[in-house]
Amino acid sequence: MPVRLLTQSVMRWPDAAEVLREVSDWAERQGQVHPSLQRVAVFGSYGRGTAGVGSDLDLLLIDAAAEGPQHGRLLPWPLEQLPLCCDALVLTPVELDTLMASGQRMARELQRDARWIWQRVT
């Protein structure tokens, strides 16, 4: 989300490194609250390293307890705490494995662009 500079009336878009730090911190907090969260990745422009002004955040959450339709899977996650508007996908580990083996376009994009930024340490 653009933030106003304190001494100017100009809006400043957060740089990619700042966004990734905040997403990493967010993921760490979510891992403490949700023991079933296994991994978090960004993909799309933030995964490729091409994000710029106006880029949204594409987030992949691997949650072993995820069930039901995608819109319901998003409810437990406070995406509004992230620094930018976010499109999120919540998959179980089995669903991720199935998707990645499918050869579908989404699988190819994730293989190419996913940048894992948090993983549960066991």
PDB file of N, CA and C in Angstrom:
ATOM      1  N   MET A   1       0.848  -1.156   0.000  1.00  0.00           N
ATOM      2  CA  MET A   1       0.000   0.000   0.000  1.00  0.00           C
ATOM      3  C   MET A   1       0.902   1.230   0.000  1.00  0.00           C
ATOM      4  N   PRO A   2       0.668   2.188  -0.846  1.00  0.00           N
ATOM      5  CA  PRO A   2       1.513   3.381  -0.850  1.00  0.00           C
ATOM      6  C   PRO A   2       1.407   4.094   0.491  1.00  0.00           C
ATOM      7  N   VAL A   3       2.507   4.664   0.916  1.00  0.00           N
ATOM      8  CA  VAL A   3       2.522   5.382   2.198  1.00  0.00           C
ATOM      9  C   VAL A   3       2.921   6.830   1.961  1.00  0.00           C
ATOM     10  N   ARG A   4       2.347   7.724   2.735  1.00  0.00           N
ATOM     11  CA  ARG A   4       2.647   9.135   2.606  1.00  0.00           C
ATOM     12  C   ARG A   4       3.962   9.430   3.326  1.00  0.00           C
ATOM     13  N   LEU A   5       4.836  10.138   2.651  1.00  0.00           N
ATOM     14  CA  LEU A   5       6.071  10.598   3.281  1.00  0.00           C
ATOM     15  C   LEU A   5       5.709  11.671   4.295  1.00  0.00           C
ATOM     16  N   LEU A   6       6.329  11.641   5.440  1.00  0.00           N
ATOM     17  CA  LEU A   6       5.947  12.557   6.505  1.00  0.00           C
ATOM     18  C   LEU A   6       6.200  14.020   6.171  1.00  0.00           C
ATOM     19  N   THR A   7       7.212  14.306   5.394  1.00  0.00           N
ATOM     20  CA  THR A   7       7.565  15.706   5.138  1.00  0.00           C
ATOM     21  C   THR A   7       7.081  16.200   3.786  1.00  0.00           C
ATOM     22  N   GLN A   8       6.399  15.358   3.043  1.00  0.00           N
ATOM     23  CA  GLN A   8       5.967  15.740   1.707  1.00  0.00           C
ATOM     24  C   GLN A   8       4.540  15.269   1.471  1.00  0.00           C
ATOM     25  N   SER A   9       3.919  15.839   0.475  1.00  0.00           N
ATOM     26  CA  SER A   9       2.571  15.406   0.122  1.00  0.00           C
ATOM     27  C   SER A   9       2.603  14.373  -0.996  1.00  0.00           C
ATOM     28  N   VAL A  10       3.719  13.722  -1.164  1.00  0.00           N
ATOM     29  CA  VAL A  10       3.920  12.735  -2.222  1.00  0.00           C
ATOM     30  C   VAL A  10       3.738  11.339  -1.635  1.00  0.00           C
ATOM     31  N   MET A  11       3.040  10.489  -2.391  1.00  0.00           N
ATOM     32  CA  MET A  11       2.904   9.094  -1.971  1.00  0.00           C
ATOM     33  C   MET A  11       4.115   8.318  -2.473  1.00  0.00           C
ATOM     34  N   ARG A  12       4.579   7.375  -1.668  1.00  0.00           N
ATOM     35  CA  ARG A  12       5.740   6.559  -2.025  1.00  0.00           C
ATOM     36  C   ARG A  12       5.311   5.098  -2.019  1.00  0.00           C
ATOM     37  N   TRP A  13       5.597   4.409  -3.113  1.00  0.00           N
ATOM     38  CA  TRP A  13       5.312   2.979  -3.193  1.00  0.00           C
ATOM     39  C   TRP A  13       6.459   2.248  -2.507  1.00  0.00           C
ATOM     40  N   PRO A  14       6.180   1.264  -1.635  1.00  0.00           N
ATOM     41  CA  PRO A  14       7.267   0.555  -0.962  1.00  0.00           C
ATOM     42  C   PRO A  14       8.130  -0.211  -1.962  1.00  0.00           C
ATOM     43  N   ASP A  15       9.442  -0.228  -1.713  1.00  0.00           N
ATOM     44  CA  ASP A  15      10.300  -0.966  -2.643  1.00  0.00           C
ATOM     45  C   ASP A  15      10.165  -2.467  -2.386  1.00  0.00           C
ATOM     46  N   ALA A  16      10.593  -3.251  -3.349  1.00  0.00           N
ATOM     47  CA  ALA A  16      10.389  -4.704  -3.304  1.00  0.00           C
ATOM     48  C   ALA A  16      11.035  -5.339  -2.081  1.00  0.00           C
ATOM     49  N   ALA A  17      12.217  -4.889  -1.712  1.00  0.00           N
ATOM     50  CA  ALA A  17      12.894  -5.469  -0.546  1.00  0.00           C
ATOM     51  C   ALA A  17      12.083  -5.216   0.724  1.00  0.00           C
ATOM     52  N   GLU A  18      11.522  -4.041   0.831  1.00  0.00           N
ATOM     53  CA  GLU A  18      10.681  -3.704   1.985  1.00  0.00           C
ATOM     54  C   GLU A  18       9.432  -4.596   2.021  1.00  0.00           C
ATOM     55  N   VAL A  19       8.801  -4.768   0.879  1.00  0.00           N
ATOM     56  CA  VAL A  19       7.608  -5.614   0.799  1.00  0.00           C
ATOM     57  C   VAL A  19       7.956  -7.044   1.198  1.00  0.00           C
ATOM     58  N   LEU A  20       9.043  -7.571   0.679  1.00  0.00           N
ATOM     59  CA  LEU A  20       9.424  -8.952   0.991  1.00  0.00           C
ATOM     60  C   LEU A  20       9.767  -9.128   2.465  1.00  0.00           C
ATOM     61  N   ARG A  21      10.400  -8.137   3.067  1.00  0.00           N
ATOM     62  CA  ARG A  21      10.673  -8.199   4.517  1.00  0.00           C
ATOM     63  C   ARG A  21       9.367  -8.255   5.308  1.00  0.00           C
ATOM     64  N   GLU A  22       8.424  -7.402   4.932  1.00  0.00           N
ATOM     65  CA  GLU A  22       7.148  -7.362   5.647  1.00  0.00           C
ATOM     66  C   GLU A  22       6.360  -8.657   5.444  1.00  0.00           C
ATOM     67  N   VAL A  23       6.417  -9.219   4.256  1.00  0.00           N
ATOM     68  CA  VAL A  23       5.738 -10.492   4.004  1.00  0.00           C
ATOM     69  C   VAL A  23       6.399 -11.605   4.812  1.00  0.00           C
ATOM     70  N   SER A  24       7.703 -11.603   4.882  1.00  0.00           N
ATOM     71  CA  SER A  24       8.423 -12.602   5.675  1.00  0.00           C
ATOM     72  C   SER A  24       8.054 -12.498   7.153  1.00  0.00           C
ATOM     73  N   ASP A  25       7.994 -11.285   7.670  1.00  0.00           N
ATOM     74  CA  ASP A  25       7.588 -11.077   9.066  1.00  0.00           C
ATOM     75  C   ASP A  25       6.153 -11.542   9.285  1.00  0.00           C
ATOM     76  N   TRP A  26       5.282 -11.213   8.338  1.00  0.00           N
ATOM     77  CA  TRP A  26       3.876 -11.627   8.419  1.00  0.00           C
ATOM     78  C   TRP A  26       3.792 -13.154   8.449  1.00  0.00           C
ATOM     79  N   ALA A  27       4.533 -13.807   7.568  1.00  0.00           N
ATOM     80  CA  ALA A  27       4.512 -15.270   7.502  1.00  0.00           C
ATOM     81  C   ALA A  27       5.010 -15.887   8.804  1.00  0.00           C
ATOM     82  N   GLU A  28       6.043 -15.304   9.372  1.00  0.00           N
ATOM     83  CA  GLU A  28       6.567 -15.800  10.657  1.00  0.00           C
ATOM     84  C   GLU A  28       5.481 -15.715  11.735  1.00  0.00           C
ATOM     85  N   ARG A  29       4.778 -14.589  11.791  1.00  0.00           N
ATOM     86  CA  ARG A  29       3.693 -14.435  12.777  1.00  0.00           C
ATOM     87  C   ARG A  29       2.584 -15.443  12.521  1.00  0.00           C
ATOM     88  N   GLN A  30       2.235 -15.648  11.259  1.00  0.00           N
ATOM     89  CA  GLN A  30       1.172 -16.599  10.937  1.00  0.00           C
ATOM     90  C   GLN A  30       1.584 -18.025  11.282  1.00  0.00           C
ATOM     91  N   GLY A  31       2.849 -18.339  11.107  1.00  0.00           N
ATOM     92  CA  GLY A  31       3.342 -19.662  11.473  1.00  0.00           C
ATOM     93  C   GLY A  31       3.219 -19.931  12.959  1.00  0.00           C
ATOM     94  N   GLN A  32       3.326 -18.876  13.768  1.00  0.00           N
ATOM     95  CA  GLN A  32       3.164 -19.027  15.218  1.00  0.00           C
ATOM     96  C   GLN A  32       1.704 -19.266  15.599  1.00  0.00           C
ATOM     97  N   VAL A  33       0.799 -18.658  14.847  1.00  0.00           N
ATOM     98  CA  VAL A  33      -0.634 -18.765  15.126  1.00  0.00           C
ATOM     99  C   VAL A  33      -1.249 -20.013  14.504  1.00  0.00           C
ATOM    100  N   HIS A  34      -0.739 -20.406  13.358  1.00  0.00           N
ATOM    101  CA  HIS A  34      -1.295 -21.535  12.595  1.00  0.00           C
ATOM    102  C   HIS A  34      -0.248 -22.641  12.474  1.00  0.00           C
ATOM    103  N   PRO A  35      -0.282 -23.629  13.377  1.00  0.00           N
ATOM    104  CA  PRO A  35       0.722 -24.701  13.320  1.00  0.00           C
ATOM    105  C   PRO A  35       0.677 -25.530  12.041  1.00  0.00           C
ATOM    106  N   SER A  36      -0.427 -25.468  11.304  1.00  0.00           N
ATOM    107  CA  SER A  36      -0.531 -26.239  10.066  1.00  0.00           C
ATOM    108  C   SER A  36       0.109 -25.529   8.870  1.00  0.00           C
ATOM    109  N   LEU A  37       0.487 -24.264   9.034  1.00  0.00           N
ATOM    110  CA  LEU A  37       1.157 -23.544   7.944  1.00  0.00           C
ATOM    111  C   LEU A  37       2.557 -24.111   7.775  1.00  0.00           C
ATOM    112  N   GLN A  38       2.878 -24.543   6.557  1.00  0.00           N
ATOM    113  CA  GLN A  38       4.173 -25.160   6.314  1.00  0.00           C
ATOM    114  C   GLN A  38       5.132 -24.274   5.541  1.00  0.00           C
ATOM    115  N   ARG A  39       4.625 -23.566   4.525  1.00  0.00           N
ATOM    116  CA  ARG A  39       5.492 -22.749   3.682  1.00  0.00           C
ATOM    117  C   ARG A  39       4.710 -21.566   3.139  1.00  0.00           C
ATOM    118  N   VAL A  40       5.446 -20.502   2.825  1.00  0.00           N
ATOM    119  CA  VAL A  40       4.857 -19.314   2.199  1.00  0.00           C
ATOM    120  C   VAL A  40       5.792 -18.859   1.084  1.00  0.00           C
ATOM    121  N   ALA A  41       5.200 -18.572  -0.067  1.00  0.00           N
ATOM    122  CA  ALA A  41       5.976 -18.090  -1.215  1.00  0.00           C
ATOM    123  C   ALA A  41       5.284 -16.880  -1.819  1.00  0.00           C
ATOM    124  N   VAL A  42       6.078 -16.048  -2.462  1.00  0.00           N
ATOM    125  CA  VAL A  42       5.541 -15.036  -3.363  1.00  0.00           C
ATOM    126  C   VAL A  42       5.794 -15.555  -4.775  1.00  0.00           C
ATOM    127  N   PHE A  43       4.927 -15.172  -5.689  1.00  0.00           N
ATOM    128  CA  PHE A  43       5.150 -15.506  -7.092  1.00  0.00           C
ATOM    129  C   PHE A  43       4.704 -14.315  -7.918  1.00  0.00           C
ATOM    130  N   GLY A  44       4.650 -14.459  -9.209  1.00  0.00           N
ATOM    131  CA  GLY A  44       4.336 -13.300 -10.040  1.00  0.00           C
ATOM    132  C   GLY A  44       5.499 -12.326 -10.040  1.00  0.00           C
ATOM    133  N   SER A  45       5.217 -11.040 -10.100  1.00  0.00           N
ATOM    134  CA  SER A  45       6.286 -10.047 -10.242  1.00  0.00           C
ATOM    135  C   SER A  45       7.233 -10.029  -9.045  1.00  0.00           C
ATOM    136  N   TYR A  46       6.727 -10.256  -7.832  1.00  0.00           N
ATOM    137  CA  TYR A  46       7.629 -10.279  -6.678  1.00  0.00           C
ATOM    138  C   TYR A  46       8.497 -11.529  -6.674  1.00  0.00           C
ATOM    139  N   GLY A  47       7.995 -12.627  -7.167  1.00  0.00           N
ATOM    140  CA  GLY A  47       8.795 -13.835  -7.293  1.00  0.00           C
ATOM    141  C   GLY A  47       9.863 -13.702  -8.370  1.00  0.00           C
ATOM    142  N   ARG A  48       9.504 -13.044  -9.475  1.00  0.00           N
ATOM    143  CA  ARG A  48      10.448 -12.861 -10.588  1.00  0.00           C
ATOM    144  C   ARG A  48      11.452 -11.749 -10.328  1.00  0.00           C
ATOM    145  N   GLY A  49      11.148 -10.872  -9.377  1.00  0.00           N
ATOM    146  CA  GLY A  49      12.028  -9.734  -9.125  1.00  0.00           C
ATOM    147  C   GLY A  49      11.773  -8.578 -10.071  1.00  0.00           C
ATOM    148  N   THR A  50      10.576  -8.516 -10.657  1.00  0.00           N
ATOM    149  CA  THR A  50      10.250  -7.441 -11.596  1.00  0.00           C
ATOM    150  C   THR A  50       9.193  -6.489 -11.053  1.00  0.00           C
ATOM    151  N   ALA A  51       8.864  -6.579  -9.774  1.00  0.00           N
ATOM    152  CA  ALA A  51       7.807  -5.744  -9.193  1.00  0.00           C
ATOM    153  C   ALA A  51       8.193  -4.275  -9.247  1.00  0.00           C
ATOM    154  N   GLY A  52       7.199  -3.454  -9.453  1.00  0.00           N
ATOM    155  CA  GLY A  52       7.394  -2.018  -9.490  1.00  0.00           C
ATOM    156  C   GLY A  52       6.168  -1.310  -8.941  1.00  0.00           C
ATOM    157  N   VAL A  53       6.100  -0.025  -9.163  1.00  0.00           N
ATOM    158  CA  VAL A  53       4.963   0.762  -8.689  1.00  0.00           C
ATOM    159  C   VAL A  53       3.677   0.174  -9.262  1.00  0.00           C
ATOM    160  N   GLY A  54       2.744  -0.101  -8.391  1.00  0.00           N
ATOM    161  CA  GLY A  54       1.452  -0.641  -8.801  1.00  0.00           C
ATOM    162  C   GLY A  54       1.366  -2.155  -8.791  1.00  0.00           C
ATOM    163  N   SER A  55       2.484  -2.849  -8.593  1.00  0.00           N
ATOM    164  CA  SER A  55       2.445  -4.320  -8.565  1.00  0.00           C
ATOM    165  C   SER A  55       1.658  -4.801  -7.351  1.00  0.00           C
ATOM    166  N   ASP A  56       0.842  -5.821  -7.569  1.00  0.00           N
ATOM    167  CA  ASP A  56       0.182  -6.428  -6.425  1.00  0.00           C
ATOM    168  C   ASP A  56       1.049  -7.588  -5.943  1.00  0.00           C
ATOM    169  N   LEU A  57       0.617  -8.171  -4.858  1.00  0.00           N
ATOM    170  CA  LEU A  57       1.363  -9.250  -4.228  1.00  0.00           C
ATOM    171  C   LEU A  57       0.638 -10.560  -4.492  1.00  0.00           C
ATOM    172  N   ASP A  58       1.327 -11.537  -5.070  1.00  0.00           N
ATOM    173  CA  ASP A  58       0.776 -12.873  -5.286  1.00  0.00           C
ATOM    174  C   ASP A  58       1.414 -13.788  -4.252  1.00  0.00           C
ATOM    175  N   LEU A  59       0.569 -14.402  -3.431  1.00  0.00           N
ATOM    176  CA  LEU A  59       1.045 -15.155  -2.284  1.00  0.00           C
ATOM    177  C   LEU A  59       0.536 -16.585  -2.356  1.00  0.00           C
ATOM    178  N   LEU A  60       1.407 -17.528  -2.031  1.00  0.00           N
ATOM    179  CA  LEU A  60       1.058 -18.945  -1.975  1.00  0.00           C
ATOM    180  C   LEU A  60       1.290 -19.434  -0.554  1.00  0.00           C
ATOM    181  N   LEU A  61       0.230 -19.933   0.065  1.00  0.00           N
ATOM    182  CA  LEU A  61       0.311 -20.478   1.424  1.00  0.00           C
ATOM    183  C   LEU A  61       0.116 -21.984   1.343  1.00  0.00           C
ATOM    184  N   ILE A  62       1.025 -22.745   1.927  1.00  0.00           N
ATOM    185  CA  ILE A  62       0.889 -24.197   1.993  1.00  0.00           C
ATOM    186  C   ILE A  62       0.463 -24.536   3.414  1.00  0.00           C
ATOM    187  N   ASP A  63      -0.811 -24.933   3.534  1.00  0.00           N
ATOM    188  CA  ASP A  63      -1.448 -25.162   4.830  1.00  0.00           C
ATOM    189  C   ASP A  63      -1.969 -26.597   4.866  1.00  0.00           C
ATOM    190  N   ALA A  64      -1.387 -27.408   5.726  1.00  0.00           N
ATOM    191  CA  ALA A  64      -1.771 -28.818   5.802  1.00  0.00           C
ATOM    192  C   ALA A  64      -3.224 -29.000   6.220  1.00  0.00           C
ATOM    193  N   ALA A  65      -3.811 -28.005   6.876  1.00  0.00           N
ATOM    194  CA  ALA A  65      -5.191 -28.123   7.353  1.00  0.00           C
ATOM    195  C   ALA A  65      -6.209 -27.485   6.411  1.00  0.00           C
ATOM    196  N   ALA A  66      -5.775 -26.984   5.267  1.00  0.00           N
ATOM    197  CA  ALA A  66      -6.694 -26.301   4.348  1.00  0.00           C
ATOM    198  C   ALA A  66      -7.752 -27.275   3.838  1.00  0.00           C
ATOM    199  N   GLU A  67      -8.974 -26.783   3.781  1.00  0.00           N
ATOM    200  CA  GLU A  67     -10.072 -27.584   3.240  1.00  0.00           C
ATOM    201  C   GLU A  67     -11.168 -26.656   2.747  1.00  0.00           C
ATOM    202  N   GLY A  68     -12.013 -27.193   1.907  1.00  0.00           N
ATOM    203  CA  GLY A  68     -13.120 -26.415   1.381  1.00  0.00           C
ATOM    204  C   GLY A  68     -12.687 -25.558   0.201  1.00  0.00           C
ATOM    205  N   PRO A  69     -13.606 -24.705  -0.272  1.00  0.00           N
ATOM    206  CA  PRO A  69     -13.304 -23.863  -1.443  1.00  0.00           C
ATOM    207  C   PRO A  69     -12.279 -22.788  -1.117  1.00  0.00           C
ATOM    208  N   GLN A  70     -11.626 -22.297  -2.142  1.00  0.00           N
ATOM    209  CA  GLN A  70     -10.552 -21.316  -1.991  1.00  0.00           C
ATOM    210  C   GLN A  70     -11.004 -20.088  -1.204  1.00  0.00           C
ATOM    211  N   HIS A  71     -12.193 -19.552  -1.485  1.00  0.00           N
ATOM    212  CA  HIS A  71     -12.629 -18.349  -0.767  1.00  0.00           C
ATOM    213  C   HIS A  71     -12.759 -18.609   0.725  1.00  0.00           C
ATOM    214  N   GLY A  72     -13.133 -19.810   1.108  1.00  0.00           N
ATOM    215  CA  GLY A  72     -13.213 -20.155   2.525  1.00  0.00           C
ATOM    216  C   GLY A  72     -11.841 -20.361   3.146  1.00  0.00           C
ATOM    217  N   ARG A  73     -10.910 -20.844   2.360  1.00  0.00           N
ATOM    218  CA  ARG A  73      -9.553 -21.073   2.858  1.00  0.00           C
ATOM    219  C   ARG A  73      -8.844 -19.764   3.196  1.00  0.00           C
ATOM    220  N   LEU A  74      -9.267 -18.691   2.574  1.00  0.00           N
ATOM    221  CA  LEU A  74      -8.615 -17.389   2.803  1.00  0.00           C
ATOM    222  C   LEU A  74      -9.055 -16.729   4.098  1.00  0.00           C
ATOM    223  N   LEU A  75     -10.210 -17.116   4.630  1.00  0.00           N
ATOM    224  CA  LEU A  75     -10.777 -16.431   5.784  1.00  0.00           C
ATOM    225  C   LEU A  75      -9.868 -16.377   7.021  1.00  0.00           C
ATOM    226  N   PRO A  76      -9.126 -17.440   7.350  1.00  0.00           N
ATOM    227  CA  PRO A  76      -8.302 -17.373   8.567  1.00  0.00           C
ATOM    228  C   PRO A  76      -7.062 -16.481   8.453  1.00  0.00           C
ATOM    229  N   TRP A  77      -6.740 -16.047   7.262  1.00  0.00           N
ATOM    230  CA  TRP A  77      -5.486 -15.345   7.035  1.00  0.00           C
ATOM    231  C   TRP A  77      -5.716 -13.831   6.981  1.00  0.00           C
ATOM    232  N   PRO A  78      -5.065 -13.060   7.848  1.00  0.00           N
ATOM    233  CA  PRO A  78      -5.249 -11.603   7.869  1.00  0.00           C
ATOM    234  C   PRO A  78      -4.446 -10.916   6.754  1.00  0.00           C
ATOM    235  N   LEU A  79      -4.908 -11.103   5.544  1.00  0.00           N
ATOM    236  CA  LEU A  79      -4.201 -10.556   4.382  1.00  0.00           C
ATOM    237  C   LEU A  79      -4.163  -9.034   4.407  1.00  0.00           C
ATOM    238  N   GLU A  80      -5.098  -8.424   5.117  1.00  0.00           N
ATOM    239  CA  GLU A  80      -5.114  -6.956   5.214  1.00  0.00           C
ATOM    240  C   GLU A  80      -3.894  -6.414   5.963  1.00  0.00           C
ATOM    241  N   GLN A  81      -3.174  -7.261   6.659  1.00  0.00           N
ATOM    242  CA  GLN A  81      -1.961  -6.835   7.365  1.00  0.00           C
ATOM    243  C   GLN A  81      -0.741  -6.772   6.448  1.00  0.00           C
ATOM    244  N   LEU A  82      -0.883  -7.286   5.245  1.00  0.00           N
ATOM    245  CA  LEU A  82       0.227  -7.255   4.287  1.00  0.00           C
ATOM    246  C   LEU A  82       0.391  -5.844   3.719  1.00  0.00           C
ATOM    247  N   PRO A  83       1.569  -5.513   3.234  1.00  0.00           N
ATOM    248  CA  PRO A  83       1.835  -4.137   2.803  1.00  0.00           C
ATOM    249  C   PRO A  83       1.167  -3.728   1.489  1.00  0.00           C
ATOM    250  N   LEU A  84       0.657  -4.682   0.725  1.00  0.00           N
ATOM    251  CA  LEU A  84       0.031  -4.387  -0.565  1.00  0.00           C
ATOM    252  C   LEU A  84      -1.227  -5.222  -0.734  1.00  0.00           C
ATOM    253  N   CYS A  85      -2.049  -4.849  -1.712  1.00  0.00           N
ATOM    254  CA  CYS A  85      -3.166  -5.692  -2.087  1.00  0.00           C
ATOM    255  C   CYS A  85      -2.609  -7.057  -2.482  1.00  0.00           C
ATOM    256  N   CYS A  86      -3.349  -8.078  -2.139  1.00  0.00           N
ATOM    257  CA  CYS A  86      -2.801  -9.419  -2.277  1.00  0.00           C
ATOM    258  C   CYS A  86      -3.798 -10.365  -2.929  1.00  0.00           C
ATOM    259  N   ASP A  87      -3.300 -11.159  -3.866  1.00  0.00           N
ATOM    260  CA  ASP A  87      -4.025 -12.317  -4.380  1.00  0.00           C
ATOM    261  C   ASP A  87      -3.350 -13.528  -3.750  1.00  0.00           C
ATOM    262  N   ALA A  88      -4.119 -14.314  -3.008  1.00  0.00           N
ATOM    263  CA  ALA A  88      -3.526 -15.446  -2.301  1.00  0.00           C
ATOM    264  C   ALA A  88      -4.167 -16.755  -2.741  1.00  0.00           C
ATOM    265  N   LEU A  89      -3.359 -17.788  -2.717  1.00  0.00           N
ATOM    266  CA  LEU A  89      -3.777 -19.144  -3.032  1.00  0.00           C
ATOM    267  C   LEU A  89      -3.348 -20.014  -1.859  1.00  0.00           C
ATOM    268  N   VAL A  90      -4.300 -20.767  -1.312  1.00  0.00           N
ATOM    269  CA  VAL A  90      -4.014 -21.640  -0.173  1.00  0.00           C
ATOM    270  C   VAL A  90      -4.169 -23.080  -0.649  1.00  0.00           C
ATOM    271  N   LEU A  91      -3.086 -23.838  -0.560  1.00  0.00           N
ATOM    272  CA  LEU A  91      -3.082 -25.236  -0.988  1.00  0.00           C
ATOM    273  C   LEU A  91      -2.558 -26.122   0.130  1.00  0.00           C
ATOM    274  N   THR A  92      -2.990 -27.373   0.126  1.00  0.00           N
ATOM    275  CA  THR A  92      -2.376 -28.360   1.005  1.00  0.00           C
ATOM    276  C   THR A  92      -1.084 -28.829   0.339  1.00  0.00           C
ATOM    277  N   PRO A  93      -0.195 -29.477   1.073  1.00  0.00           N
ATOM    278  CA  PRO A  93       1.019 -30.019   0.440  1.00  0.00           C
ATOM    279  C   PRO A  93       0.697 -31.003  -0.689  1.00  0.00           C
ATOM    280  N   VAL A  94      -0.314 -31.835  -0.515  1.00  0.00           N
ATOM    281  CA  VAL A  94      -0.688 -32.805  -1.550  1.00  0.00           C
ATOM    282  C   VAL A  94      -1.207 -32.078  -2.779  1.00  0.00           C
ATOM    283  N   GLU A  95      -2.019 -31.039  -2.583  1.00  0.00           N
ATOM    284  CA  GLU A  95      -2.532 -30.275  -3.719  1.00  0.00           C
ATOM    285  C   GLU A  95      -1.394 -29.580  -4.471  1.00  0.00           C
ATOM    286  N   LEU A  96      -0.422 -29.063  -3.738  1.00  0.00           N
ATOM    287  CA  LEU A  96       0.733 -28.440  -4.395  1.00  0.00           C
ATOM    288  C   LEU A  96       1.487 -29.467  -5.230  1.00  0.00           C
ATOM    289  N   ASP A  97       1.748 -30.634  -4.655  1.00  0.00           N
ATOM    290  CA  ASP A  97       2.459 -31.689  -5.392  1.00  0.00           C
ATOM    291  C   ASP A  97       1.688 -32.097  -6.644  1.00  0.00           C
ATOM    292  N   THR A  98       0.375 -32.248  -6.519  1.00  0.00           N
ATOM    293  CA  THR A  98      -0.463 -32.631  -7.653  1.00  0.00           C
ATOM    294  C   THR A  98      -0.421 -31.553  -8.729  1.00  0.00           C
ATOM    295  N   LEU A  99      -0.548 -30.299  -8.310  1.00  0.00           N
ATOM    296  CA  LEU A  99      -0.495 -29.200  -9.274  1.00  0.00           C
ATOM    297  C   LEU A  99       0.847 -29.171  -9.994  1.00  0.00           C
ATOM    298  N   MET A 100       1.935 -29.277  -9.243  1.00  0.00           N
ATOM    299  CA  MET A 100       3.267 -29.176  -9.839  1.00  0.00           C
ATOM    300  C   MET A 100       3.532 -30.326 -10.816  1.00  0.00           C
ATOM    301  N   ALA A 101       2.930 -31.478 -10.578  1.00  0.00           N
ATOM    302  CA  ALA A 101       3.115 -32.627 -11.476  1.00  0.00           C
ATOM    303  C   ALA A 101       2.194 -32.563 -12.691  1.00  0.00           C
ATOM    304  N   SER A 102       1.246 -31.644 -12.692  1.00  0.00           N
ATOM    305  CA  SER A 102       0.219 -31.612 -13.734  1.00  0.00           C
ATOM    306  C   SER A 102       0.688 -31.021 -15.060  1.00  0.00           C
ATOM    307  N   GLY A 103       1.697 -30.184 -15.020  1.00  0.00           N
ATOM    308  CA  GLY A 103       2.131 -29.515 -16.234  1.00  0.00           C
ATOM    309  C   GLY A 103       1.240 -28.355 -16.648  1.00  0.00           C
ATOM    310  N   GLN A 104       0.243 -28.018 -15.833  1.00  0.00           N
ATOM    311  CA  GLN A 104      -0.642 -26.895 -16.135  1.00  0.00           C
ATOM    312  C   GLN A 104       0.129 -25.584 -16.144  1.00  0.00           C
ATOM    313  N   ARG A 105      -0.467 -24.581 -16.764  1.00  0.00           N
ATOM    314  CA  ARG A 105       0.174 -23.261 -16.850  1.00  0.00           C
ATOM    315  C   ARG A 105       0.527 -22.723 -15.466  1.00  0.00           C
ATOM    316  N   MET A 106      -0.381 -22.857 -14.514  1.00  0.00           N
ATOM    317  CA  MET A 106      -0.115 -22.368 -13.159  1.00  0.00           C
ATOM    318  C   MET A 106       1.108 -23.074 -12.568  1.00  0.00           C
ATOM    319  N   ALA A 107       1.226 -24.359 -12.802  1.00  0.00           N
ATOM    320  CA  ALA A 107       2.375 -25.113 -12.306  1.00  0.00           C
ATOM    321  C   ALA A 107       3.669 -24.586 -12.921  1.00  0.00           C
ATOM    322  N   ARG A 108       3.639 -24.317 -14.216  1.00  0.00           N
ATOM    323  CA  ARG A 108       4.840 -23.790 -14.885  1.00  0.00           C
ATOM    324  C   ARG A 108       5.198 -22.407 -14.339  1.00  0.00           C
ATOM    325  N   GLU A 109       4.187 -21.590 -14.091  1.00  0.00           N
ATOM    326  CA  GLU A 109       4.456 -20.261 -13.540  1.00  0.00           C
ATOM    327  C   GLU A 109       5.035 -20.352 -12.138  1.00  0.00           C
ATOM    328  N   LEU A 110       4.497 -21.241 -11.321  1.00  0.00           N
ATOM    329  CA  LEU A 110       5.039 -21.408  -9.961  1.00  0.00           C
ATOM    330  C   LEU A 110       6.458 -21.965 -10.004  1.00  0.00           C
ATOM    331  N   GLN A 111       6.712 -22.928 -10.887  1.00  0.00           N
ATOM    332  CA  GLN A 111       8.068 -23.470 -10.994  1.00  0.00           C
ATOM    333  C   GLN A 111       9.056 -22.378 -11.383  1.00  0.00           C
ATOM    334  N   ARG A 112       8.637 -21.497 -12.251  1.00  0.00           N
ATOM    335  CA  ARG A 112       9.498 -20.424 -12.738  1.00  0.00           C
ATOM    336  C   ARG A 112       9.622 -19.277 -11.727  1.00  0.00           C
ATOM    337  N   ASP A 113       8.519 -18.895 -11.088  1.00  0.00           N
ATOM    338  CA  ASP A 113       8.474 -17.630 -10.349  1.00  0.00           C
ATOM    339  C   ASP A 113       8.433 -17.741  -8.834  1.00  0.00           C
ATOM    340  N   ALA A 114       8.035 -18.879  -8.283  1.00  0.00           N
ATOM    341  CA  ALA A 114       7.840 -18.951  -6.835  1.00  0.00           C
ATOM    342  C   ALA A 114       9.149 -18.706  -6.093  1.00  0.00           C
ATOM    343  N   ARG A 115       9.053 -17.845  -5.123  1.00  0.00           N
ATOM    344  CA  ARG A 115      10.191 -17.528  -4.247  1.00  0.00           C
ATOM    345  C   ARG A 115       9.735 -17.829  -2.822  1.00  0.00           C
ATOM    346  N   TRP A 116      10.248 -18.915  -2.278  1.00  0.00           N
ATOM    347  CA  TRP A 116       9.840 -19.339  -0.937  1.00  0.00           C
ATOM    348  C   TRP A 116      10.489 -18.413   0.074  1.00  0.00           C
ATOM    349  N   ILE A 117       9.660 -17.777   0.883  1.00  0.00           N
ATOM    350  CA  ILE A 117      10.196 -16.783   1.821  1.00  0.00           C
ATOM    351  C   ILE A 117      10.070 -17.198   3.270  1.00  0.00           C
ATOM    352  N   TRP A 118       9.308 -18.258   3.514  1.00  0.00           N
ATOM    353  CA  TRP A 118       9.184 -18.761   4.894  1.00  0.00           C
ATOM    354  C   TRP A 118       8.881 -20.240   4.821  1.00  0.00           C
ATOM    355  N   GLN A 119       9.481 -20.982   5.749  1.00  0.00           N
ATOM    356  CA  GLN A 119       9.224 -22.418   5.852  1.00  0.00           C
ATOM    357  C   GLN A 119       9.314 -22.816   7.295  1.00  0.00           C
ATOM    358  N   ARG A 120       8.387 -23.649   7.718  1.00  0.00           N
ATOM    359  CA  ARG A 120       8.407 -24.133   9.101  1.00  0.00           C
ATOM    360  C   ARG A 120       9.646 -24.995   9.318  1.00  0.00           C
ATOM    361  N   VAL A 121      10.346 -24.697  10.357  1.00  0.00           N
ATOM    362  CA  VAL A 121      11.529 -25.480  10.710  1.00  0.00           C
ATOM    363  C   VAL A 121      11.091 -26.569  11.674  1.00  0.00           C
ATOM    364  N   THR A 122      11.393 -27.801  11.306  1.00  0.00           N
ATOM    365  CA  THR A 122      10.974 -28.923  12.167  1.00  0.00           C
ATOM    366  C   THR A 122      12.136 -29.538  12.873  1.00  0.00           C
TER     367      THR A 122
END
